[in-house]
């Protein structure tokens, strides 16, 4: 009955379609809140990494290196079981939001740092000469220029976060992968392995593919814009040289 061409298996998947929709809802809900947390942490630690204070840069570096160099699966298990054994269990979905948000936040911080550092130093000096504070300089001058650089890799990180929600399976989560596994191994619903996992994969694809295409389109548009700007500057320089002659 587990074959992909089994009509009976597909009928069972359709009959229990609510299981997959619930899993999709929980996956999207977890991802949305985790993305918000990741963005907040990414902006915070990205700004710390580009600040003029060594202590803030050190704290940001420790966070990024520690999180990026340990598996998200390990972080999820540690957070869930550490809180559970300490008597402060917060639930599987909330654990997933925190674990994925903290993990992705480290990568977002690097994206923010790279975007800020890509802005020409002259912009920093100009803002400094006008008496802007660090936060004012970032808000009014630097971040508006760097956002176009940060958006494509940020979207890629969002896609990775959505796929990483499958890590909740290890702590008995209610996400799409977890409920799919429960479905194919259930006493009354088990057996339809191929159709169930195919549907699960398609649901992930429906969410992630448009985001991936959006990131690719933004990146291509950014490169074309930069090429046009370089070409315009070269033409302007050539015209000025001809005028001087």
Protein backbone atom coordinates (compact mmCIF):
# COMPACT_ATOMS: atom_id res chain seq x y z
CA UNK A 1 0.00 0.00 0.00
CA UNK A 2 3.00 2.32 0.42
CA UNK A 3 3.64 2.58 -3.34
CA UNK A 4 3.34 5.96 -4.99
CA UNK A 5 0.87 4.57 -7.52
CA UNK A 6 -1.37 2.95 -4.93
CA UNK A 7 -4.87 4.40 -5.26
CA UNK A 8 -5.74 3.21 -1.77
CA UNK A 9 -2.75 5.04 -0.30
CA UNK A 10 -3.71 8.29 -2.01
CA UNK A 11 -7.30 7.92 -0.80
CA UNK A 12 -6.06 7.56 2.77
CA UNK A 13 -3.87 10.69 2.40
CA UNK A 14 -6.88 12.62 1.08
CA UNK A 15 -9.12 11.34 3.84
CA UNK A 16 -6.67 12.58 6.50
CA UNK A 17 -5.65 15.75 4.65
CA UNK A 18 -6.40 17.74 7.80
CA UNK A 19 -3.29 16.20 9.38
CA UNK A 20 -1.07 17.69 6.68
CA UNK A 21 -2.83 21.05 6.79
CA UNK A 22 -2.35 21.19 10.56
CA UNK A 23 1.31 20.34 10.14
CA UNK A 24 1.65 23.05 7.49
CA UNK A 25 -0.04 25.59 9.75
CA UNK A 26 2.27 24.75 12.66
CA UNK A 27 5.32 24.92 10.40
CA UNK A 28 4.33 28.34 9.03
CA UNK A 29 3.43 29.63 12.49
CA UNK A 30 6.76 28.50 13.92
CA UNK A 31 8.66 29.94 10.95
CA UNK A 32 6.96 33.35 11.08
CA UNK A 33 7.72 33.98 14.75
CA UNK A 34 11.21 32.52 14.43
CA UNK A 35 11.89 34.85 11.48
CA UNK A 36 10.86 37.87 13.54
CA UNK A 37 13.16 36.78 16.36
CA UNK A 38 16.00 36.10 13.92
CA UNK A 39 15.63 39.53 12.33
CA UNK A 40 15.67 41.23 15.72
CA UNK A 41 18.78 39.32 16.81
CA UNK A 42 20.42 39.78 13.43
CA UNK A 43 20.00 43.54 13.45
CA UNK A 44 21.08 43.80 17.09
CA UNK A 45 24.24 41.72 16.79
CA UNK A 46 24.98 43.06 13.30
CA UNK A 47 25.01 46.60 14.68
CA UNK A 48 27.13 45.44 17.61
CA UNK A 49 29.62 43.86 15.20
CA UNK A 50 30.07 47.16 13.35
CA UNK A 51 30.14 49.41 16.38
CA UNK A 52 33.26 51.17 17.55
CA UNK A 53 33.25 49.41 20.92
CA UNK A 54 35.47 46.36 21.24
CA UNK A 55 33.33 44.74 23.97
CA UNK A 56 30.21 44.83 21.78
CA UNK A 57 32.12 43.43 18.82
CA UNK A 58 33.48 40.63 21.01
CA UNK A 59 30.02 39.68 22.31
CA UNK A 60 28.66 39.62 18.76
CA UNK A 61 31.56 37.47 17.55
CA UNK A 62 31.11 34.96 20.37
CA UNK A 63 27.38 34.63 19.64
CA UNK A 64 27.89 34.18 15.90
CA UNK A 65 30.76 31.69 16.18
CA UNK A 66 29.11 29.63 18.93
CA UNK A 67 25.77 29.33 17.14
CA UNK A 68 27.09 28.83 13.61
CA UNK A 69 29.55 26.12 14.64
CA UNK A 70 27.08 23.89 16.47
CA UNK A 71 24.21 21.97 14.80
CA UNK A 72 20.73 23.46 15.01
CA UNK A 73 19.46 19.99 15.94
CA UNK A 74 21.74 19.94 18.98
CA UNK A 75 20.68 23.45 19.98
CA UNK A 76 17.01 22.49 19.71
CA UNK A 77 17.45 19.39 21.88
CA UNK A 78 19.55 21.25 24.44
CA UNK A 79 17.02 24.07 24.77
CA UNK A 80 14.02 21.74 25.01
CA UNK A 81 15.45 19.23 27.48
CA UNK A 82 17.36 21.79 29.55
CA UNK A 83 14.15 23.72 30.15
CA UNK A 84 12.11 20.56 30.68
CA UNK A 85 14.46 19.11 33.30
CA UNK A 86 14.69 22.45 35.07
CA UNK A 87 10.91 22.50 35.44
CA UNK A 88 10.37 25.36 32.98
CA UNK A 89 9.03 23.54 29.92
CA UNK A 90 7.69 26.02 27.36
CA UNK A 91 6.19 23.67 24.79
CA UNK A 92 7.48 22.26 21.53
CA UNK A 93 6.36 25.08 19.22
CA UNK A 94 7.78 27.79 21.48
CA UNK A 95 11.02 25.85 21.78
CA UNK A 96 11.20 25.63 18.01
CA UNK A 97 10.62 29.37 17.66
CA UNK A 98 13.41 30.16 20.11
CA UNK A 99 15.88 27.58 18.78
CA UNK A 100 15.37 28.45 15.11
CA UNK A 101 15.25 32.19 15.81
CA UNK A 102 18.52 32.13 17.76
CA UNK A 103 20.20 29.89 15.18
CA UNK A 104 19.13 31.91 12.13
CA UNK A 105 19.79 35.16 14.00
CA UNK A 106 23.52 34.37 13.95
CA UNK A 107 23.45 34.16 10.16
CA UNK A 108 21.29 37.26 9.90
CA UNK A 109 23.85 39.11 12.03
CA UNK A 110 26.56 38.26 9.51
CA UNK A 111 24.33 39.43 6.67
CA UNK A 112 23.71 42.74 8.44
CA UNK A 113 27.41 43.16 9.23
CA UNK A 114 28.43 42.47 5.62
CA UNK A 115 25.75 44.84 4.30
CA UNK A 116 26.88 47.67 6.56
CA UNK A 117 30.55 47.15 5.75
CA UNK A 118 29.75 47.22 2.01
CA UNK A 119 28.69 50.88 2.28
CA UNK A 120 31.59 53.20 1.28
CA UNK A 121 33.52 54.63 4.24
CA UNK A 122 32.90 58.12 2.92
CA UNK A 123 29.26 57.77 3.93
CA UNK A 124 30.27 57.05 7.52
CA UNK A 125 32.64 60.01 7.56
CA UNK A 126 30.00 62.32 6.08
CA UNK A 127 27.45 61.28 8.70
CA UNK A 128 30.04 61.71 11.43
CA UNK A 129 30.89 65.20 10.24
CA UNK A 130 27.21 66.15 10.45
CA UNK A 131 27.11 65.21 14.13
CA UNK A 132 24.95 62.09 13.82
CA UNK A 133 25.05 59.62 16.70
CA UNK A 134 25.80 55.96 15.90
CA UNK A 135 22.14 54.94 15.85
CA UNK A 136 21.11 58.02 13.85
CA UNK A 137 23.90 57.36 11.38
CA UNK A 138 22.72 53.77 10.91
CA UNK A 139 19.02 54.61 10.71
CA UNK A 140 19.19 57.60 8.35
CA UNK A 141 22.32 56.98 6.27
CA UNK A 142 23.82 53.49 6.34
CA UNK A 143 20.95 51.00 6.62
CA UNK A 144 18.86 52.54 3.80
CA UNK A 145 21.85 52.02 1.49
CA UNK A 146 22.74 48.54 2.71
CA UNK A 147 19.23 47.07 2.72
CA UNK A 148 19.40 46.31 -1.01
CA UNK A 149 22.55 44.29 -0.37
CA UNK A 150 21.11 42.45 2.62
CA UNK A 151 17.72 41.45 1.21
CA UNK A 152 18.75 38.54 -1.08
CA UNK A 153 20.84 36.65 1.52
CA UNK A 154 18.22 37.38 4.16
CA UNK A 155 15.54 35.73 2.04
CA UNK A 156 17.84 32.73 1.58
CA UNK A 157 18.16 32.47 5.35
CA UNK A 158 14.37 32.61 5.68
CA UNK A 159 14.10 29.66 3.28
CA UNK A 160 16.67 27.73 5.32
CA UNK A 161 14.75 28.48 8.51
CA UNK A 162 11.52 27.14 7.04
CA UNK A 163 13.24 23.90 6.05
CA UNK A 164 14.91 23.68 9.46
CA UNK A 165 11.50 23.49 11.15
CA UNK A 166 11.79 19.77 10.41
CA UNK A 167 14.22 19.64 13.37
CA UNK A 168 11.20 19.78 15.68
CA UNK A 169 10.64 16.13 14.78
CA UNK A 170 13.44 15.14 17.16
CA UNK A 171 11.55 16.56 20.17
CA UNK A 172 8.17 15.23 19.07
CA UNK A 173 7.00 18.39 17.36
CA UNK A 174 3.69 19.09 15.66
CA UNK A 175 5.29 20.45 12.48
CA UNK A 176 4.67 19.12 8.98
CA UNK A 177 7.41 16.49 9.04
CA UNK A 178 6.49 15.27 12.53
CA UNK A 179 2.80 14.88 11.70
CA UNK A 180 3.66 13.18 8.41
CA UNK A 181 5.75 10.63 10.29
CA UNK A 182 2.96 10.13 12.82
CA UNK A 183 0.56 9.60 9.93
CA UNK A 184 2.61 6.95 8.11
CA UNK A 185 3.33 5.04 11.32
CA UNK A 186 -0.11 5.35 12.93
CA UNK A 187 -2.15 2.27 13.73
CA UNK A 188 -5.14 3.46 11.69
CA UNK A 189 -3.39 5.69 9.15
CA UNK A 190 -0.06 3.92 8.56
CA UNK A 191 1.15 2.53 5.29
CA UNK A 192 0.88 5.37 2.77
CA UNK A 193 4.59 6.24 2.96
CA UNK A 194 5.32 7.45 -0.56
CA UNK A 195 2.19 9.62 -1.08
CA UNK A 196 2.44 11.12 2.42
CA UNK A 197 6.08 12.16 2.13
CA UNK A 198 5.53 13.36 -1.43
CA UNK A 199 2.71 15.64 -0.28
CA UNK A 200 4.85 16.87 2.60
CA UNK A 201 7.70 17.67 0.22
CA UNK A 202 5.38 19.46 -2.19
CA UNK A 203 4.02 21.64 0.59
CA UNK A 204 7.54 22.68 1.56
CA UNK A 205 8.30 23.34 -2.11
CA UNK A 206 5.22 25.55 -2.50
CA UNK A 207 6.45 27.74 0.36
CA UNK A 208 10.19 27.78 -0.32
CA UNK A 209 10.41 27.93 -4.12
CA UNK A 210 8.78 31.37 -4.54
CA UNK A 211 11.03 32.77 -1.82
CA UNK A 212 14.14 31.30 -3.46
CA UNK A 213 13.13 32.75 -6.83
CA UNK A 214 12.52 36.13 -5.21
CA UNK A 215 16.01 36.11 -3.68
CA UNK A 216 17.57 35.15 -7.02
CA UNK A 217 15.63 37.89 -8.82
CA UNK A 218 16.70 40.53 -6.30
CA UNK A 219 20.33 39.43 -6.55
CA UNK A 220 20.25 39.55 -10.36
CA UNK A 221 18.57 42.96 -10.33
CA UNK A 222 21.18 44.25 -7.89
CA UNK A 223 24.06 43.08 -10.08
CA UNK A 224 22.50 44.66 -13.17
CA UNK A 225 21.96 47.91 -11.31
CA UNK A 226 25.58 47.97 -10.18
CA UNK A 227 26.75 47.29 -13.73
CA UNK A 228 24.63 50.17 -15.04
CA UNK A 229 26.03 52.48 -12.37
CA UNK A 230 29.61 51.51 -13.22
CA UNK A 231 28.91 52.01 -16.92
CA UNK A 232 27.31 55.42 -16.24
CA UNK A 233 30.31 56.53 -14.16
CA UNK A 234 32.71 55.47 -16.89
CA UNK A 235 30.72 57.38 -19.50
CA UNK A 236 30.58 60.43 -17.27
CA UNK A 237 34.34 60.25 -16.71
CA UNK A 238 34.96 59.93 -20.43
CA UNK A 239 32.80 62.96 -21.22
CA UNK A 240 34.59 65.03 -18.59
CA UNK A 241 37.95 64.07 -20.05
CA UNK A 242 36.81 65.06 -23.54
CA UNK A 243 35.48 68.36 -22.22
CA UNK A 244 38.85 69.13 -20.60
CA UNK A 245 40.61 68.52 -23.87
